[in-house]
Amino acid sequence: MDPRFRSRLVAAVILISVVCSVFSVSPVTGFRLENRDGSGAEAALAEALVFQQSTKIRNEFMEDLTVYIDSKNAFFKQHDASGIGISGRYVSDENAIYIRSDRDPARADEVFVQQVGYRVYRTMGFEESTVFETLEINSGSYLSRVSAPPGEEWKAAVFAEAFMLYHVSPALLEEDAPEVYAYMDLLVANGGDRAKVDDLYAHDRPE
């Protein structure tokens, strides 16, 4: 096992009990996580990283959300068979996120935040934003290389990826796409109020 993976695994597993105690004191309304992959190392790592990352995201973005660690989900099997590797998905009808632990579990936190980004995009009206789609994304930048998974539009995929970067690697997003970073900063500061975010950004657009 890669030493870096091992050290992160050990730290993450230790965090499970710590973070669970934090959740019991200050839970997000209706938020829950169900690990269907069992107690193996990969599943434990994915679960711990999701718990850890969930404490860093505003409650408004996760209310009544369920996260399943579920590598055997039919959706993943279907796309594996077609040669398209997908690590997570948000299902609007269920208000649920599915994450697999059998595919790079050390990135489960990134996959989780990315899927929360899809949820924010769909449930908080950002499909209707006339500002986000005008933000500059330089050719050759990280965001310019984002590809939309099956069934998703490119704008939604870029939004979700930017949302993930803002929470996981903000310095990278700010350097890579300053306008997108500024927009995400307003989005988080204002709890996902799309109309307010668009208005504020339009009146204070970075030069």
Protein backbone atom coordinates (compact mmCIF):
# COMPACT_ATOMS: atom_id res chain seq x y z
CA MET A 1 0.00 0.00 0.00
CA ASP A 2 1.24 3.48 -0.86
CA PRO A 3 2.67 5.04 2.38
CA ARG A 4 0.82 8.29 1.75
CA PHE A 5 -2.45 6.38 1.32
CA ARG A 6 -1.75 4.38 4.49
CA SER A 7 -1.05 7.46 6.62
CA ARG A 8 -4.15 9.21 5.31
CA LEU A 9 -6.21 6.08 5.92
CA VAL A 10 -5.07 5.78 9.52
CA ALA A 11 -5.71 9.46 10.20
CA ALA A 12 -9.10 9.31 8.52
CA VAL A 13 -10.26 6.24 10.44
CA ILE A 14 -9.24 7.91 13.70
CA LEU A 15 -11.27 10.93 12.65
CA ILE A 16 -14.46 8.89 12.32
CA SER A 17 -15.16 8.82 16.05
CA VAL A 18 -14.10 12.44 16.51
CA VAL A 19 -16.22 13.80 13.69
CA CYS A 20 -19.20 11.64 14.61
CA SER A 21 -19.14 13.21 18.06
CA VAL A 22 -19.13 16.66 16.44
CA PHE A 23 -22.13 15.65 14.33
CA SER A 24 -24.02 14.48 17.40
CA VAL A 25 -23.56 17.92 18.96
CA SER A 26 -24.26 20.07 15.89
CA PRO A 27 -25.85 18.05 13.08
CA VAL A 28 -26.95 19.48 9.76
CA THR A 29 -30.73 19.25 9.65
CA GLY A 30 -31.67 15.94 8.08
CA PHE A 31 -28.17 15.13 6.87
CA ARG A 32 -27.15 11.50 7.16
CA LEU A 33 -24.53 9.13 5.77
CA GLU A 34 -25.07 5.43 5.15
CA ASN A 35 -22.12 3.18 4.38
CA ARG A 36 -23.35 0.26 2.27
CA ASP A 37 -19.84 -0.88 1.36
CA GLY A 38 -19.09 -2.43 4.75
CA SER A 39 -16.18 -1.97 7.13
CA GLY A 40 -13.23 -2.48 4.77
CA ALA A 41 -10.35 -0.01 4.68
CA GLU A 42 -11.49 1.74 1.50
CA ALA A 43 -15.08 2.13 2.70
CA ALA A 44 -13.92 3.38 6.11
CA LEU A 45 -11.64 5.92 4.45
CA ALA A 46 -14.38 7.20 2.16
CA GLU A 47 -16.83 7.48 5.05
CA ALA A 48 -14.36 9.33 7.24
CA LEU A 49 -13.40 11.79 4.52
CA VAL A 50 -17.03 12.57 3.74
CA PHE A 51 -17.77 13.17 7.42
CA GLN A 52 -14.72 15.37 7.77
CA GLN A 53 -15.51 17.45 4.71
CA SER A 54 -19.18 17.81 5.62
CA THR A 55 -18.19 19.89 8.66
CA LYS A 56 -16.61 22.48 6.33
CA ILE A 57 -19.66 23.14 4.14
CA ARG A 58 -22.49 25.49 5.03
CA ASN A 59 -25.60 23.77 6.37
CA GLU A 60 -27.80 25.41 3.74
CA PHE A 61 -26.08 23.35 1.06
CA MET A 62 -26.72 19.99 2.76
CA GLU A 63 -30.07 20.15 4.54
CA ASP A 64 -32.05 16.90 4.32
CA LEU A 65 -29.31 15.33 2.19
CA THR A 66 -28.44 11.63 2.36
CA VAL A 67 -25.03 10.33 1.29
CA TYR A 68 -24.59 6.66 0.43
CA ILE A 69 -21.20 4.97 0.18
CA ASP A 70 -22.42 2.45 -2.37
CA SER A 71 -19.91 1.12 -4.90
CA LYS A 72 -22.30 -1.58 -6.14
CA ASN A 73 -24.95 0.89 -7.19
CA ALA A 74 -26.40 -0.05 -10.60
CA PHE A 75 -25.56 3.40 -11.98
CA PHE A 76 -21.83 2.85 -11.42
CA LYS A 77 -21.95 -0.67 -12.84
CA GLN A 78 -23.74 0.58 -15.94
CA HIS A 79 -21.08 3.18 -16.70
CA ASP A 80 -18.21 0.86 -15.82
CA ALA A 81 -19.52 -1.52 -18.47
CA SER A 82 -19.47 1.29 -21.03
CA GLY A 83 -15.91 2.26 -20.09
CA ILE A 84 -16.86 5.51 -18.33
CA GLY A 85 -15.53 5.64 -14.78
CA ILE A 86 -17.74 7.71 -12.47
CA SER A 87 -17.06 8.08 -8.75
CA GLY A 88 -20.17 9.94 -7.59
CA ARG A 89 -23.61 11.19 -8.57
CA TYR A 90 -26.35 13.37 -7.15
CA VAL A 91 -29.93 12.13 -7.60
CA SER A 92 -32.40 15.01 -7.43
CA ASP A 93 -35.50 12.87 -6.91
CA GLU A 94 -33.98 11.28 -3.82
CA ASN A 95 -31.99 14.33 -2.67
CA ALA A 96 -29.16 11.86 -2.26
CA ILE A 97 -25.50 11.55 -3.21
CA TYR A 98 -23.96 8.19 -4.12
CA ILE A 99 -20.20 7.71 -3.76
CA ARG A 100 -18.12 4.64 -4.52
CA SER A 101 -15.26 3.59 -2.26
CA ASP A 102 -13.76 1.06 -4.68
CA ARG A 103 -12.43 3.79 -6.96
CA ASP A 104 -9.78 6.12 -5.47
CA PRO A 105 -11.32 6.35 -1.97
CA ALA A 106 -8.70 8.93 -0.91
CA ARG A 107 -10.59 11.41 -3.09
CA ALA A 108 -14.01 10.72 -1.58
CA ASP A 109 -14.04 14.17 0.03
CA GLU A 110 -13.55 15.85 -3.35
CA VAL A 111 -16.22 13.69 -4.97
CA PHE A 112 -18.63 14.50 -2.13
CA VAL A 113 -18.16 18.27 -2.41
CA GLN A 114 -18.42 18.11 -6.18
CA GLN A 115 -21.79 16.35 -5.89
CA VAL A 116 -22.95 18.91 -3.32
CA GLY A 117 -22.05 21.44 -6.01
CA TYR A 118 -24.42 19.72 -8.42
CA ARG A 119 -27.12 19.84 -5.75
CA VAL A 120 -26.60 23.57 -5.18
CA TYR A 121 -26.69 24.20 -8.91
CA ARG A 122 -29.99 22.38 -9.37
CA THR A 123 -31.89 23.18 -6.18
CA MET A 124 -30.82 26.77 -5.56
CA GLY A 125 -31.57 28.15 -9.01
CA PHE A 126 -28.09 28.47 -10.48
CA GLU A 127 -29.33 26.92 -13.73
CA GLU A 128 -31.04 30.28 -14.20
CA SER A 129 -27.97 32.39 -13.48
CA THR A 130 -27.17 34.83 -16.28
CA VAL A 131 -23.89 35.75 -14.60
CA PHE A 132 -22.12 32.46 -13.98
CA GLU A 133 -22.02 31.49 -17.64
CA THR A 134 -20.31 34.81 -18.49
CA LEU A 135 -17.39 34.31 -16.09
CA GLU A 136 -14.01 34.06 -17.74
CA ILE A 137 -12.36 30.65 -17.89
CA ASN A 138 -9.00 30.86 -19.59
CA SER A 139 -8.11 28.39 -22.30
CA GLY A 140 -5.89 25.65 -20.91
CA SER A 141 -6.96 26.29 -17.31
CA TYR A 142 -8.12 23.53 -14.98
CA LEU A 143 -11.80 24.40 -15.40
CA SER A 144 -11.53 24.60 -19.18
CA ARG A 145 -10.63 20.90 -19.19
CA VAL A 146 -13.71 19.81 -17.24
CA SER A 147 -15.82 17.30 -19.12
CA ALA A 148 -19.48 16.74 -18.29
CA PRO A 149 -20.43 13.21 -17.22
CA PRO A 150 -23.29 11.45 -19.03
CA GLY A 151 -26.56 13.28 -18.56
CA GLU A 152 -25.00 16.53 -17.34
CA GLU A 153 -24.52 19.82 -19.15
CA TRP A 154 -21.06 21.39 -19.26
CA LYS A 155 -22.15 24.49 -17.32
CA ALA A 156 -23.35 22.31 -14.43
CA ALA A 157 -20.11 20.30 -14.46
CA VAL A 158 -17.99 23.47 -14.34
CA PHE A 159 -20.12 24.86 -11.51
CA ALA A 160 -19.78 21.65 -9.49
CA GLU A 161 -16.02 21.47 -10.08
CA ALA A 162 -15.57 25.11 -9.10
CA PHE A 163 -17.66 24.55 -5.96
CA MET A 164 -15.40 21.61 -5.08
CA LEU A 165 -12.19 23.57 -5.69
CA TYR A 166 -13.44 26.49 -3.60
CA HIS A 167 -13.83 24.18 -0.61
CA VAL A 168 -10.87 21.84 -1.17
CA SER A 169 -8.23 23.86 -3.06
CA PRO A 170 -9.29 27.53 -2.96
CA ALA A 171 -5.84 28.84 -3.87
CA LEU A 172 -5.88 26.79 -7.06
CA LEU A 173 -9.31 28.11 -8.05
CA GLU A 174 -8.35 31.71 -7.30
CA GLU A 175 -5.22 31.44 -9.43
CA ASP A 176 -6.87 29.41 -12.18
CA ALA A 177 -10.11 31.38 -12.57
CA PRO A 178 -10.28 34.57 -10.44
CA GLU A 179 -13.76 35.54 -11.62
CA VAL A 180 -15.17 32.12 -10.80
CA TYR A 181 -13.46 32.23 -7.40
CA ALA A 182 -15.01 35.63 -6.64
CA TYR A 183 -18.43 34.34 -7.63
CA MET A 184 -18.09 31.23 -5.44
CA ASP A 185 -16.91 33.41 -2.57
CA LEU A 186 -20.12 35.44 -2.80
CA LEU A 187 -22.19 32.28 -3.18
CA VAL A 188 -20.83 30.76 0.02
CA ALA A 189 -20.95 34.05 1.95
CA ASN A 190 -24.62 34.49 1.04
CA GLY A 191 -25.77 30.94 1.66
CA GLY A 192 -26.54 30.17 -1.98
CA ASP A 193 -29.01 33.00 -2.60
CA ARG A 194 -28.68 32.97 -6.40
CA ALA A 195 -30.45 36.25 -7.14
CA LYS A 196 -28.44 38.07 -4.49
CA VAL A 197 -25.16 36.52 -5.64
CA ASP A 198 -25.80 37.49 -9.26
CA ASP A 199 -26.75 41.04 -8.26
CA LEU A 200 -23.75 41.51 -5.98
CA TYR A 201 -21.34 40.13 -8.54
CA ALA A 202 -22.78 42.25 -11.35
CA HIS A 203 -22.30 45.40 -9.25
CA ASP A 204 -18.86 44.50 -7.94
CA ARG A 205 -17.36 42.61 -10.84
CA PRO A 206 -13.59 42.22 -10.48
CA GLU A 207 -11.56 44.27 -12.94
